[in-house]
């Protein structure tokens, strides 16, 4: 993302099936970052949990319910960014 935006190096975009699933993914990310001594600078969407954004500085994570991910299609919006494969 660096070069396209000035606020992060990476977007992580993922999906959950339900609001509980999306929230569980966000909670897991928070827990794992805490183990590394890190904390999200900004969190948005935790109450409704249809689209949660976690801003950890260099990495911004978007966790969507599947239909909302298809609707907003961030991959298309940021298509100029170089994709990084993750397994």
PDB file of N, CA and C in Angstrom:
ATOM      1  N   UNK A   1       0.814  -1.194   0.000  1.00  0.00           N
ATOM      2  CA  UNK A   1       0.000   0.000   0.000  1.00  0.00           C
ATOM      3  C   UNK A   1       0.859   1.260   0.000  1.00  0.00           C
ATOM      4  N   UNK A   2       2.074   1.154   0.570  1.00  0.00           N
ATOM      5  CA  UNK A   2       2.939   2.336   0.592  1.00  0.00           C
ATOM      6  C   UNK A   2       3.196   2.767  -0.833  1.00  0.00           C
ATOM      7  N   UNK A   3       3.135   4.019  -1.084  1.00  0.00           N
ATOM      8  CA  UNK A   3       3.219   4.546  -2.429  1.00  0.00           C
ATOM      9  C   UNK A   3       1.850   4.934  -2.963  1.00  0.00           C
ATOM     10  N   UNK A   4       0.826   4.223  -2.518  1.00  0.00           N
ATOM     11  CA  UNK A   4      -0.548   4.577  -2.866  1.00  0.00           C
ATOM     12  C   UNK A   4      -1.206   5.389  -1.753  1.00  0.00           C
ATOM     13  N   UNK A   5      -0.854   5.042  -0.520  1.00  0.00           N
ATOM     14  CA  UNK A   5      -1.388   5.749   0.650  1.00  0.00           C
ATOM     15  C   UNK A   5      -0.233   6.082   1.581  1.00  0.00           C
ATOM     16  N   UNK A   6      -0.437   7.014   2.477  1.00  0.00           N
ATOM     17  CA  UNK A   6       0.635   7.391   3.397  1.00  0.00           C
ATOM     18  C   UNK A   6       0.385   6.926   4.828  1.00  0.00           C
ATOM     19  N   UNK A   7      -0.580   6.034   5.025  1.00  0.00           N
ATOM     20  CA  UNK A   7      -0.926   5.648   6.391  1.00  0.00           C
ATOM     21  C   UNK A   7      -0.647   4.196   6.735  1.00  0.00           C
ATOM     22  N   UNK A   8      -0.257   3.372   5.758  1.00  0.00           N
ATOM     23  CA  UNK A   8       0.069   1.983   6.084  1.00  0.00           C
ATOM     24  C   UNK A   8       0.882   1.356   4.956  1.00  0.00           C
ATOM     25  N   UNK A   9       1.493   0.217   5.262  1.00  0.00           N
ATOM     26  CA  UNK A   9       2.237  -0.539   4.262  1.00  0.00           C
ATOM     27  C   UNK A   9       1.390  -1.665   3.669  1.00  0.00           C
ATOM     28  N   UNK A  10       0.477  -2.211   4.472  1.00  0.00           N
ATOM     29  CA  UNK A  10      -0.314  -3.362   4.044  1.00  0.00           C
ATOM     30  C   UNK A  10      -1.766  -3.227   4.474  1.00  0.00           C
ATOM     31  N   UNK A  11      -2.648  -3.761   3.635  1.00  0.00           N
ATOM     32  CA  UNK A  11      -4.038  -4.047   3.995  1.00  0.00           C
ATOM     33  C   UNK A  11      -4.132  -5.561   4.082  1.00  0.00           C
ATOM     34  N   UNK A  12      -4.772  -6.053   5.112  1.00  0.00           N
ATOM     35  CA  UNK A  12      -5.166  -7.455   5.180  1.00  0.00           C
ATOM     36  C   UNK A  12      -6.676  -7.448   5.053  1.00  0.00           C
ATOM     37  N   UNK A  13      -7.195  -8.213   4.110  1.00  0.00           N
ATOM     38  CA  UNK A  13      -8.629  -8.264   3.871  1.00  0.00           C
ATOM     39  C   UNK A  13      -9.064  -9.716   4.013  1.00  0.00           C
ATOM     40  N   UNK A  14     -10.009  -9.956   4.929  1.00  0.00           N
ATOM     41  CA  UNK A  14     -10.488 -11.317   5.136  1.00  0.00           C
ATOM     42  C   UNK A  14     -11.979 -11.289   5.453  1.00  0.00           C
ATOM     43  N   UNK A  15     -12.580 -12.469   5.512  1.00  0.00           N
ATOM     44  CA  UNK A  15     -14.023 -12.581   5.700  1.00  0.00           C
ATOM     45  C   UNK A  15     -14.365 -13.600   6.766  1.00  0.00           C
ATOM     46  N   UNK A  16     -15.525 -13.375   7.382  1.00  0.00           N
ATOM     47  CA  UNK A  16     -16.141 -14.335   8.283  1.00  0.00           C
ATOM     48  C   UNK A  16     -17.558 -14.594   7.815  1.00  0.00           C
ATOM     49  N   UNK A  17     -18.160 -15.653   8.324  1.00  0.00           N
ATOM     50  CA  UNK A  17     -19.499 -16.033   7.883  1.00  0.00           C
ATOM     51  C   UNK A  17     -20.614 -15.282   8.598  1.00  0.00           C
ATOM     52  N   UNK A  18     -20.399 -14.928   9.861  1.00  0.00           N
ATOM     53  CA  UNK A  18     -21.422 -14.281  10.677  1.00  0.00           C
ATOM     54  C   UNK A  18     -20.778 -13.168  11.491  1.00  0.00           C
ATOM     55  N   UNK A  19     -21.602 -12.373  12.186  1.00  0.00           N
ATOM     56  CA  UNK A  19     -21.050 -11.335  13.047  1.00  0.00           C
ATOM     57  C   UNK A  19     -20.171 -11.935  14.140  1.00  0.00           C
ATOM     58  N   UNK A  20     -20.573 -13.060  14.692  1.00  0.00           N
ATOM     59  CA  UNK A  20     -19.754 -13.717  15.726  1.00  0.00           C
ATOM     60  C   UNK A  20     -18.416 -14.187  15.167  1.00  0.00           C
ATOM     61  N   UNK A  21     -18.440 -14.705  13.966  1.00  0.00           N
ATOM     62  CA  UNK A  21     -17.212 -15.170  13.331  1.00  0.00           C
ATOM     63  C   UNK A  21     -16.262 -13.995  13.070  1.00  0.00           C
ATOM     64  N   UNK A  22     -16.802 -12.897  12.531  1.00  0.00           N
ATOM     65  CA  UNK A  22     -15.998 -11.699  12.265  1.00  0.00           C
ATOM     66  C   UNK A  22     -15.391 -11.180  13.564  1.00  0.00           C
ATOM     67  N   UNK A  23     -16.196 -11.129  14.622  1.00  0.00           N
ATOM     68  CA  UNK A  23     -15.712 -10.656  15.932  1.00  0.00           C
ATOM     69  C   UNK A  23     -14.633 -11.595  16.473  1.00  0.00           C
ATOM     70  N   UNK A  24     -14.830 -12.892  16.306  1.00  0.00           N
ATOM     71  CA  UNK A  24     -13.842 -13.873  16.788  1.00  0.00           C
ATOM     72  C   UNK A  24     -12.503 -13.701  16.062  1.00  0.00           C
ATOM     73  N   UNK A  25     -12.544 -13.427  14.774  1.00  0.00           N
ATOM     74  CA  UNK A  25     -11.312 -13.193  14.019  1.00  0.00           C
ATOM     75  C   UNK A  25     -10.600 -11.960  14.561  1.00  0.00           C
ATOM     76  N   UNK A  26     -11.359 -10.879  14.786  1.00  0.00           N
ATOM     77  CA  UNK A  26     -10.769  -9.644  15.333  1.00  0.00           C
ATOM     78  C   UNK A  26     -10.185  -9.884  16.718  1.00  0.00           C
ATOM     79  N   UNK A  27     -10.911 -10.609  17.562  1.00  0.00           N
ATOM     80  CA  UNK A  27     -10.410 -10.908  18.907  1.00  0.00           C
ATOM     81  C   UNK A  27      -9.120 -11.719  18.844  1.00  0.00           C
ATOM     82  N   UNK A  28      -9.066 -12.686  17.948  1.00  0.00           N
ATOM     83  CA  UNK A  28      -7.867 -13.508  17.802  1.00  0.00           C
ATOM     84  C   UNK A  28      -6.668 -12.664  17.371  1.00  0.00           C
ATOM     85  N   UNK A  29      -6.890 -11.782  16.419  1.00  0.00           N
ATOM     86  CA  UNK A  29      -5.808 -10.894  15.966  1.00  0.00           C
ATOM     87  C   UNK A  29      -5.322 -10.047  17.130  1.00  0.00           C
ATOM     88  N   UNK A  30      -6.255  -9.477  17.900  1.00  0.00           N
ATOM     89  CA  UNK A  30      -5.884  -8.678  19.075  1.00  0.00           C
ATOM     90  C   UNK A  30      -5.075  -9.493  20.079  1.00  0.00           C
ATOM     91  N   UNK A  31      -5.513 -10.725  20.335  1.00  0.00           N
ATOM     92  CA  UNK A  31      -4.815 -11.593  21.297  1.00  0.00           C
ATOM     93  C   UNK A  31      -3.398 -11.911  20.836  1.00  0.00           C
ATOM     94  N   UNK A  32      -3.247 -12.236  19.585  1.00  0.00           N
ATOM     95  CA  UNK A  32      -1.926 -12.582  19.058  1.00  0.00           C
ATOM     96  C   UNK A  32      -1.002 -11.370  19.036  1.00  0.00           C
ATOM     97  N   UNK A  33      -1.531 -10.201  18.708  1.00  0.00           N
ATOM     98  CA  UNK A  33      -0.717  -8.985  18.740  1.00  0.00           C
ATOM     99  C   UNK A  33      -0.306  -8.645  20.172  1.00  0.00           C
ATOM    100  N   UNK A  34      -1.194  -8.876  21.128  1.00  0.00           N
ATOM    101  CA  UNK A  34      -0.868  -8.624  22.537  1.00  0.00           C
ATOM    102  C   UNK A  34       0.301  -9.494  22.982  1.00  0.00           C
ATOM    103  N   UNK A  35       0.364 -10.721  22.482  1.00  0.00           N
ATOM    104  CA  UNK A  35       1.489 -11.606  22.808  1.00  0.00           C
ATOM    105  C   UNK A  35       2.810 -11.031  22.308  1.00  0.00           C
ATOM    106  N   UNK A  36       2.728 -10.210  21.260  1.00  0.00           N
ATOM    107  CA  UNK A  36       3.919  -9.567  20.698  1.00  0.00           C
ATOM    108  C   UNK A  36       4.154  -8.182  21.286  1.00  0.00           C
ATOM    109  N   UNK A  37       3.315  -7.819  22.269  1.00  0.00           N
ATOM    110  CA  UNK A  37       3.448  -6.514  22.906  1.00  0.00           C
ATOM    111  C   UNK A  37       2.884  -5.376  22.074  1.00  0.00           C
ATOM    112  N   UNK A  38       1.985  -5.687  21.163  1.00  0.00           N
ATOM    113  CA  UNK A  38       1.397  -4.672  20.296  1.00  0.00           C
ATOM    114  C   UNK A  38      -0.096  -4.562  20.560  1.00  0.00           C
ATOM    115  N   UNK A  39      -0.642  -3.411  20.206  1.00  0.00           N
ATOM    116  CA  UNK A  39      -2.058  -3.161  20.383  1.00  0.00           C
ATOM    117  C   UNK A  39      -2.551  -2.334  19.207  1.00  0.00           C
ATOM    118  N   UNK A  40      -3.772  -2.609  18.769  1.00  0.00           N
ATOM    119  CA  UNK A  40      -4.348  -1.839  17.669  1.00  0.00           C
ATOM    120  C   UNK A  40      -4.460  -0.376  18.086  1.00  0.00           C
ATOM    121  N   UNK A  41      -4.028   0.519  17.205  1.00  0.00           N
ATOM    122  CA  UNK A  41      -4.142   1.960  17.459  1.00  0.00           C
ATOM    123  C   UNK A  41      -5.591   2.418  17.351  1.00  0.00           C
ATOM    124  N   UNK A  42      -6.324   1.746  16.484  1.00  0.00           N
ATOM    125  CA  UNK A  42      -7.691   2.153  16.191  1.00  0.00           C
ATOM    126  C   UNK A  42      -8.509   0.910  15.879  1.00  0.00           C
ATOM    127  N   UNK A  43      -9.718   0.865  16.407  1.00  0.00           N
ATOM    128  CA  UNK A  43     -10.653  -0.229  16.128  1.00  0.00           C
ATOM    129  C   UNK A  43     -12.002   0.375  15.797  1.00  0.00           C
ATOM    130  N   UNK A  44     -12.626  -0.149  14.779  1.00  0.00           N
ATOM    131  CA  UNK A  44     -13.948   0.345  14.390  1.00  0.00           C
ATOM    132  C   UNK A  44     -14.817  -0.839  13.979  1.00  0.00           C
ATOM    133  N   UNK A  45     -16.082  -0.809  14.372  1.00  0.00           N
ATOM    134  CA  UNK A  45     -17.039  -1.805  13.923  1.00  0.00           C
ATOM    135  C   UNK A  45     -17.228  -2.992  14.834  1.00  0.00           C
ATOM    136  N   UNK A  46     -16.662  -2.966  16.031  1.00  0.00           N
ATOM    137  CA  UNK A  46     -16.750  -4.124  16.917  1.00  0.00           C
ATOM    138  C   UNK A  46     -18.181  -4.411  17.382  1.00  0.00           C
ATOM    139  N   UNK A  47     -19.006  -3.397  17.539  1.00  0.00           N
ATOM    140  CA  UNK A  47     -20.373  -3.616  18.027  1.00  0.00           C
ATOM    141  C   UNK A  47     -21.245  -4.343  17.011  1.00  0.00           C
ATOM    142  N   UNK A  48     -21.251  -3.879  15.793  1.00  0.00           N
ATOM    143  CA  UNK A  48     -22.097  -4.496  14.763  1.00  0.00           C
ATOM    144  C   UNK A  48     -21.426  -5.717  14.145  1.00  0.00           C
ATOM    145  N   UNK A  49     -20.120  -5.667  14.024  1.00  0.00           N
ATOM    146  CA  UNK A  49     -19.287  -6.783  13.544  1.00  0.00           C
ATOM    147  C   UNK A  49     -19.673  -7.276  12.145  1.00  0.00           C
ATOM    148  N   UNK A  50     -20.069  -6.352  11.260  1.00  0.00           N
ATOM    149  CA  UNK A  50     -20.243  -6.752   9.869  1.00  0.00           C
ATOM    150  C   UNK A  50     -19.017  -6.344   9.045  1.00  0.00           C
ATOM    151  N   UNK A  51     -18.300  -5.318   9.544  1.00  0.00           N
ATOM    152  CA  UNK A  51     -17.023  -4.896   8.959  1.00  0.00           C
ATOM    153  C   UNK A  51     -16.208  -4.286  10.096  1.00  0.00           C
ATOM    154  N   UNK A  52     -15.167  -4.970  10.486  1.00  0.00           N
ATOM    155  CA  UNK A  52     -14.284  -4.494  11.556  1.00  0.00           C
ATOM    156  C   UNK A  52     -12.972  -4.054  10.932  1.00  0.00           C
ATOM    157  N   UNK A  53     -12.490  -2.898  11.360  1.00  0.00           N
ATOM    158  CA  UNK A  53     -11.196  -2.387  10.916  1.00  0.00           C
ATOM    159  C   UNK A  53     -10.287  -2.305  12.136  1.00  0.00           C
ATOM    160  N   UNK A  54      -9.108  -2.907  12.028  1.00  0.00           N
ATOM    161  CA  UNK A  54      -8.073  -2.830  13.056  1.00  0.00           C
ATOM    162  C   UNK A  54      -6.869  -2.135  12.437  1.00  0.00           C
ATOM    163  N   UNK A  55      -6.480  -1.021  13.007  1.00  0.00           N
ATOM    164  CA  UNK A  55      -5.326  -0.270  12.505  1.00  0.00           C
ATOM    165  C   UNK A  55      -4.163  -0.489  13.453  1.00  0.00           C
ATOM    166  N   UNK A  56      -3.150  -1.174  12.973  1.00  0.00           N
ATOM    167  CA  UNK A  56      -1.967  -1.442  13.771  1.00  0.00           C
ATOM    168  C   UNK A  56      -0.763  -0.657  13.275  1.00  0.00           C
ATOM    169  N   UNK A  57      -1.021   0.464  12.652  1.00  0.00           N
ATOM    170  CA  UNK A  57       0.077   1.289  12.158  1.00  0.00           C
ATOM    171  C   UNK A  57       0.436   0.926  10.740  1.00  0.00           C
ATOM    172  N   UNK A  58       1.405   0.044  10.571  1.00  0.00           N
ATOM    173  CA  UNK A  58       1.844  -0.351   9.237  1.00  0.00           C
ATOM    174  C   UNK A  58       0.868  -1.299   8.542  1.00  0.00           C
ATOM    175  N   UNK A  59       0.012  -1.956   9.331  1.00  0.00           N
ATOM    176  CA  UNK A  59      -0.942  -2.924   8.784  1.00  0.00           C
ATOM    177  C   UNK A  59      -2.352  -2.534   9.210  1.00  0.00           C
ATOM    178  N   UNK A  60      -3.245  -2.425   8.236  1.00  0.00           N
ATOM    179  CA  UNK A  60      -4.659  -2.180   8.506  1.00  0.00           C
ATOM    180  C   UNK A  60      -5.420  -3.429   8.081  1.00  0.00           C
ATOM    181  N   UNK A  61      -6.161  -4.016   9.017  1.00  0.00           N
ATOM    182  CA  UNK A  61      -6.887  -5.246   8.753  1.00  0.00           C
ATOM    183  C   UNK A  61      -8.372  -4.953   8.609  1.00  0.00           C
ATOM    184  N   UNK A  62      -8.956  -5.446   7.531  1.00  0.00           N
ATOM    185  CA  UNK A  62     -10.389  -5.330   7.275  1.00  0.00           C
ATOM    186  C   UNK A  62     -10.980  -6.725   7.385  1.00  0.00           C
ATOM    187  N   UNK A  63     -11.933  -6.904   8.300  1.00  0.00           N
ATOM    188  CA  UNK A  63     -12.583  -8.193   8.481  1.00  0.00           C
ATOM    189  C   UNK A  63     -14.063  -7.992   8.165  1.00  0.00           C
ATOM    190  N   UNK A  64     -14.531  -8.622   7.115  1.00  0.00           N
ATOM    191  CA  UNK A  64     -15.890  -8.439   6.615  1.00  0.00           C
ATOM    192  C   UNK A  64     -16.744  -9.677   6.812  1.00  0.00           C
ATOM    193  N   UNK A  65     -18.057  -9.472   6.900  1.00  0.00           N
ATOM    194  CA  UNK A  65     -18.971 -10.554   6.591  1.00  0.00           C
ATOM    195  C   UNK A  65     -18.941 -10.678   5.068  1.00  0.00           C
ATOM    196  N   UNK A  66     -19.081 -11.878   4.567  1.00  0.00           N
ATOM    197  CA  UNK A  66     -18.837 -12.151   3.148  1.00  0.00           C
ATOM    198  C   UNK A  66     -19.624 -11.249   2.195  1.00  0.00           C
ATOM    199  N   UNK A  67     -20.910 -11.035   2.447  1.00  0.00           N
ATOM    200  CA  UNK A  67     -21.715 -10.227   1.520  1.00  0.00           C
ATOM    201  C   UNK A  67     -21.245  -8.776   1.498  1.00  0.00           C
ATOM    202  N   UNK A  68     -20.824  -8.262   2.654  1.00  0.00           N
ATOM    203  CA  UNK A  68     -20.327  -6.884   2.692  1.00  0.00           C
ATOM    204  C   UNK A  68     -18.983  -6.775   1.982  1.00  0.00           C
ATOM    205  N   UNK A  69     -18.157  -7.810   2.106  1.00  0.00           N
ATOM    206  CA  UNK A  69     -16.871  -7.800   1.392  1.00  0.00           C
ATOM    207  C   UNK A  69     -17.107  -7.748  -0.114  1.00  0.00           C
ATOM    208  N   UNK A  70     -18.065  -8.534  -0.596  1.00  0.00           N
ATOM    209  CA  UNK A  70     -18.392  -8.509  -2.017  1.00  0.00           C
ATOM    210  C   UNK A  70     -18.932  -7.142  -2.435  1.00  0.00           C
ATOM    211  N   UNK A  71     -19.755  -6.533  -1.593  1.00  0.00           N
ATOM    212  CA  UNK A  71     -20.361  -5.245  -1.912  1.00  0.00           C
ATOM    213  C   UNK A  71     -19.313  -4.136  -2.013  1.00  0.00           C
ATOM    214  N   UNK A  72     -18.428  -4.033  -1.006  1.00  0.00           N
ATOM    215  CA  UNK A  72     -17.440  -2.953  -0.989  1.00  0.00           C
ATOM    216  C   UNK A  72     -16.234  -3.239  -1.872  1.00  0.00           C
ATOM    217  N   UNK A  73     -15.918  -4.505  -2.081  1.00  0.00           N
ATOM    218  CA  UNK A  73     -14.885  -4.927  -3.038  1.00  0.00           C
ATOM    219  C   UNK A  73     -13.598  -4.104  -2.938  1.00  0.00           C
ATOM    220  N   UNK A  74     -13.008  -4.092  -1.757  1.00  0.00           N
ATOM    221  CA  UNK A  74     -11.775  -3.327  -1.548  1.00  0.00           C
ATOM    222  C   UNK A  74     -10.643  -3.784  -2.461  1.00  0.00           C
ATOM    223  N   UNK A  75     -10.648  -5.054  -2.811  1.00  0.00           N
ATOM    224  CA  UNK A  75      -9.609  -5.547  -3.717  1.00  0.00           C
ATOM    225  C   UNK A  75      -9.652  -4.795  -5.048  1.00  0.00           C
ATOM    226  N   UNK A  76     -10.851  -4.501  -5.521  1.00  0.00           N
ATOM    227  CA  UNK A  76     -10.971  -3.739  -6.759  1.00  0.00           C
ATOM    228  C   UNK A  76     -10.614  -2.272  -6.538  1.00  0.00           C
ATOM    229  N   UNK A  77     -11.110  -1.717  -5.443  1.00  0.00           N
ATOM    230  CA  UNK A  77     -10.852  -0.310  -5.139  1.00  0.00           C
ATOM    231  C   UNK A  77      -9.355  -0.020  -5.056  1.00  0.00           C
ATOM    232  N   UNK A  78      -8.598  -0.949  -4.488  1.00  0.00           N
ATOM    233  CA  UNK A  78      -7.149  -0.780  -4.316  1.00  0.00           C
ATOM    234  C   UNK A  78      -6.376  -1.681  -5.270  1.00  0.00           C
ATOM    235  N   UNK A  79      -6.882  -1.895  -6.462  1.00  0.00           N
ATOM    236  CA  UNK A  79      -6.271  -2.817  -7.412  1.00  0.00           C
ATOM    237  C   UNK A  79      -4.873  -2.404  -7.851  1.00  0.00           C
ATOM    238  N   UNK A  80      -4.515  -1.152  -7.672  1.00  0.00           N
ATOM    239  CA  UNK A  80      -3.173  -0.703  -8.045  1.00  0.00           C
ATOM    240  C   UNK A  80      -2.107  -1.173  -7.051  1.00  0.00           C
ATOM    241  N   UNK A  81      -2.549  -1.601  -5.869  1.00  0.00           N
ATOM    242  CA  UNK A  81      -1.605  -2.113  -4.867  1.00  0.00           C
ATOM    243  C   UNK A  81      -1.114  -3.494  -5.292  1.00  0.00           C
ATOM    244  N   UNK A  82       0.120  -3.773  -4.977  1.00  0.00           N
ATOM    245  CA  UNK A  82       0.708  -5.073  -5.308  1.00  0.00           C
ATOM    246  C   UNK A  82       0.183  -6.114  -4.317  1.00  0.00           C
ATOM    247  N   UNK A  83      -0.485  -7.168  -4.794  1.00  0.00           N
ATOM    248  CA  UNK A  83      -0.982  -8.200  -3.865  1.00  0.00           C
ATOM    249  C   UNK A  83       0.176  -9.040  -3.312  1.00  0.00           C
ATOM    250  N   UNK A  84       0.021  -9.444  -2.074  1.00  0.00           N
ATOM    251  CA  UNK A  84       0.983 -10.317  -1.417  1.00  0.00           C
ATOM    252  C   UNK A  84       0.258 -11.606  -1.064  1.00  0.00           C
ATOM    253  N   UNK A  85       0.701 -12.716  -1.587  1.00  0.00           N
ATOM    254  CA  UNK A  85       0.065 -14.000  -1.308  1.00  0.00           C
ATOM    255  C   UNK A  85       0.413 -14.447   0.108  1.00  0.00           C
ATOM    256  N   UNK A  86      -0.560 -15.018   0.777  1.00  0.00           N
ATOM    257  CA  UNK A  86      -0.379 -15.484   2.163  1.00  0.00           C
ATOM    258  C   UNK A  86      -0.974 -16.883   2.254  1.00  0.00           C
ATOM    259  N   UNK A  87      -0.239 -17.782   2.846  1.00  0.00           N
ATOM    260  CA  UNK A  87      -0.752 -19.139   3.033  1.00  0.00           C
ATOM    261  C   UNK A  87      -0.837 -19.467   4.496  1.00  0.00           C
TER     262      UNK A  87
END
